[in-house]
C-alpha atoms as a PDB file:
ATOM      1  CA  MET A   1     142.098 125.885 133.242  1.00  0.00           C
ATOM      2  CA  PRO A   2     145.778 125.130 132.565  1.00  0.00           C
ATOM      3  CA  VAL A   3     146.949 125.213 128.952  1.00  0.00           C
ATOM      4  CA  GLU A   4     147.695 121.469 129.005  1.00  0.00           C
ATOM      5  CA  GLU A   5     144.164 120.600 130.095  1.00  0.00           C
ATOM      6  CA  GLN A   6     142.712 122.954 127.479  1.00  0.00           C
ATOM      7  CA  LYS A   7     144.765 121.171 124.804  1.00  0.00           C
ATOM      8  CA  VAL A   8     143.565 117.800 126.132  1.00  0.00           C
ATOM      9  CA  GLY A   9     139.982 119.030 125.770  1.00  0.00           C
ATOM     10  CA  GLU A  10     140.621 119.975 122.141  1.00  0.00           C
ATOM     11  CA  LEU A  11     142.189 116.578 121.450  1.00  0.00           C
ATOM     12  CA  VAL A  12     139.251 114.761 123.056  1.00  0.00           C
ATOM     13  CA  SER A  13     136.901 116.737 120.814  1.00  0.00           C
ATOM     14  CA  MET A  14     138.904 115.743 117.719  1.00  0.00           C
ATOM     15  CA  MET A  15     138.773 112.104 118.809  1.00  0.00           C
ATOM     16  CA  ASP A  16     135.020 112.300 119.409  1.00  0.00           C
ATOM     17  CA  ASN A  17     134.565 113.294 115.753  1.00  0.00           C
ATOM     18  CA  VAL A  18     136.253 110.068 114.623  1.00  0.00           C
ATOM     19  CA  ILE A  19     134.403 107.950 117.186  1.00  0.00           C
ATOM     20  CA  ASP A  20     131.037 109.338 116.066  1.00  0.00           C
ATOM     21  CA  ASP A  21     131.755 108.692 112.364  1.00  0.00           C
ATOM     22  CA  SER A  22     129.958 105.475 111.401  1.00  0.00           C
ATOM     23  CA  SER A  23     132.003 105.157 108.179  1.00  0.00           C
ATOM     24  CA  VAL A  24     135.128 104.469 110.268  1.00  0.00           C
ATOM     25  CA  PRO A  25     135.686 100.747 110.948  1.00  0.00           C
ATOM     26  CA  LYS A  26     134.831  99.527 114.433  1.00  0.00           C
ATOM     27  CA  ASN A  27     138.406  98.509 115.330  1.00  0.00           C
ATOM     28  CA  ILE A  28     139.656 102.017 114.569  1.00  0.00           C
ATOM     29  CA  ARG A  29     136.863 103.649 116.562  1.00  0.00           C
ATOM     30  CA  LYS A  30     137.689 101.292 119.433  1.00  0.00           C
ATOM     31  CA  ALA A  31     141.375 102.303 119.379  1.00  0.00           C
ATOM     32  CA  VAL A  32     140.476 106.003 119.269  1.00  0.00           C
ATOM     33  CA  THR A  33     138.033 105.487 122.146  1.00  0.00           C
ATOM     34  CA  GLU A  34     140.807 103.818 124.129  1.00  0.00           C
ATOM     35  CA  ALA A  35     143.149 106.723 123.365  1.00  0.00           C
ATOM     36  CA  ARG A  36     140.473 109.224 124.398  1.00  0.00           C
ATOM     37  CA  ASP A  37     139.822 107.385 127.650  1.00  0.00           C
ATOM     38  CA  ARG A  38     143.545 107.322 128.431  1.00  0.00           C
ATOM     39  CA  LEU A  39     143.734 111.033 127.709  1.00  0.00           C
ATOM     40  CA  LYS A  40     140.759 111.781 129.972  1.00  0.00           C
ATOM     41  CA  SER A  41     142.086 109.701 132.873  1.00  0.00           C
ATOM     42  CA  THR A  42     143.753 111.232 135.906  1.00  0.00           C
ATOM     43  CA  GLY A  43     147.472 111.570 136.355  1.00  0.00           C
ATOM     44  CA  ASP A  44     150.374 113.337 134.740  1.00  0.00           C
ATOM     45  CA  VAL A  45     149.468 115.002 131.440  1.00  0.00           C
ATOM     46  CA  LYS A  46     152.653 113.799 129.719  1.00  0.00           C
ATOM     47  CA  VAL A  47     151.929 110.178 130.641  1.00  0.00           C
ATOM     48  CA  ARG A  48     148.341 110.501 129.444  1.00  0.00           C
ATOM     49  CA  LEU A  49     149.497 112.014 126.145  1.00  0.00           C
ATOM     50  CA  SER A  50     152.090 109.273 125.650  1.00  0.00           C
ATOM     51  CA  SER A  51     149.494 106.577 126.315  1.00  0.00           C
ATOM     52  CA  ALA A  52     147.121 108.135 123.794  1.00  0.00           C
ATOM     53  CA  ILE A  53     149.932 108.370 121.215  1.00  0.00           C
ATOM     54  CA  TYR A  54     150.636 104.674 121.682  1.00  0.00           C
ATOM     55  CA  SER A  55     146.980 103.779 121.031  1.00  0.00           C
ATOM     56  CA  ILE A  56     146.688 105.988 117.949  1.00  0.00           C
ATOM     57  CA  GLU A  57     150.013 104.864 116.513  1.00  0.00           C
ATOM     58  CA  ALA A  58     148.851 101.248 116.551  1.00  0.00           C
ATOM     59  CA  ILE A  59     146.054 101.959 114.064  1.00  0.00           C
ATOM     60  CA  SER A  60     147.514 104.842 112.051  1.00  0.00           C
ATOM     61  CA  GLU A  61     148.466 102.602 109.113  1.00  0.00           C
ATOM     62  CA  ASP A  62     145.386 100.358 109.033  1.00  0.00           C
ATOM     63  CA  ILE A  63     144.671  99.558 105.377  1.00  0.00           C
ATOM     64  CA  ASN A  64     140.908  99.433 105.976  1.00  0.00           C
ATOM     65  CA  MET A  65     140.737 103.042 107.116  1.00  0.00           C
ATOM     66  CA  PRO A  66     138.884 105.464 104.810  1.00  0.00           C
ATOM     67  CA  MET A  67     141.058 108.317 103.525  1.00  0.00           C
ATOM     68  CA  HIS A  68     139.133 111.023 105.401  1.00  0.00           C
ATOM     69  CA  ALA A  69     139.564 109.093 108.645  1.00  0.00           C
ATOM     70  CA  ARG A  70     143.276 108.572 107.952  1.00  0.00           C
ATOM     71  CA  THR A  71     143.676 112.333 107.608  1.00  0.00           C
ATOM     72  CA  GLN A  72     141.851 112.866 110.904  1.00  0.00           C
ATOM     73  CA  ILE A  73     143.984 110.213 112.638  1.00  0.00           C
ATOM     74  CA  TRP A  74     147.208 111.790 111.368  1.00  0.00           C
ATOM     75  CA  THR A  75     146.002 115.213 112.521  1.00  0.00           C
ATOM     76  CA  ILE A  76     145.213 113.832 115.980  1.00  0.00           C
ATOM     77  CA  PHE A  77     148.545 111.995 116.095  1.00  0.00           C
ATOM     78  CA  SER A  78     150.448 115.170 115.178  1.00  0.00           C
ATOM     79  CA  ALA A  79     148.535 117.221 117.749  1.00  0.00           C
ATOM     80  CA  LEU A  80     149.237 114.617 120.445  1.00  0.00           C
ATOM     81  CA  GLU A  81     152.950 114.615 119.634  1.00  0.00           C
ATOM     82  CA  ALA A  82     153.078 118.414 119.606  1.00  0.00           C
ATOM     83  CA  ALA A  83     151.304 118.601 122.964  1.00  0.00           C
ATOM     84  CA  ALA A  84     153.675 115.998 124.432  1.00  0.00           C
ATOM     85  CA  GLN A  85     156.719 118.027 123.309  1.00  0.00           C
ATOM     86  CA  VAL A  86     155.669 121.264 125.026  1.00  0.00           C
ATOM     87  CA  ASP A  87     157.559 121.891 128.252  1.00  0.00           C
END
């Protein structure tokens, strides 16, 4: 398995933790689900990562997000950006 795909698998797992957390508001779980689905789609890894970043960025400052979820979102966002920067 290529390194990029292994990293995608780790990111999907991180996103699944947020999606499965019932204390996270539905709109945030929906955005993370959308990001995960974009990441799991076929095509160029960089494009998939960029699409997922776009979805996560849209909800990263939601005022209704619990603090623990905000930390998870920021961690996912940072990991997505780091993965997108690797050449």
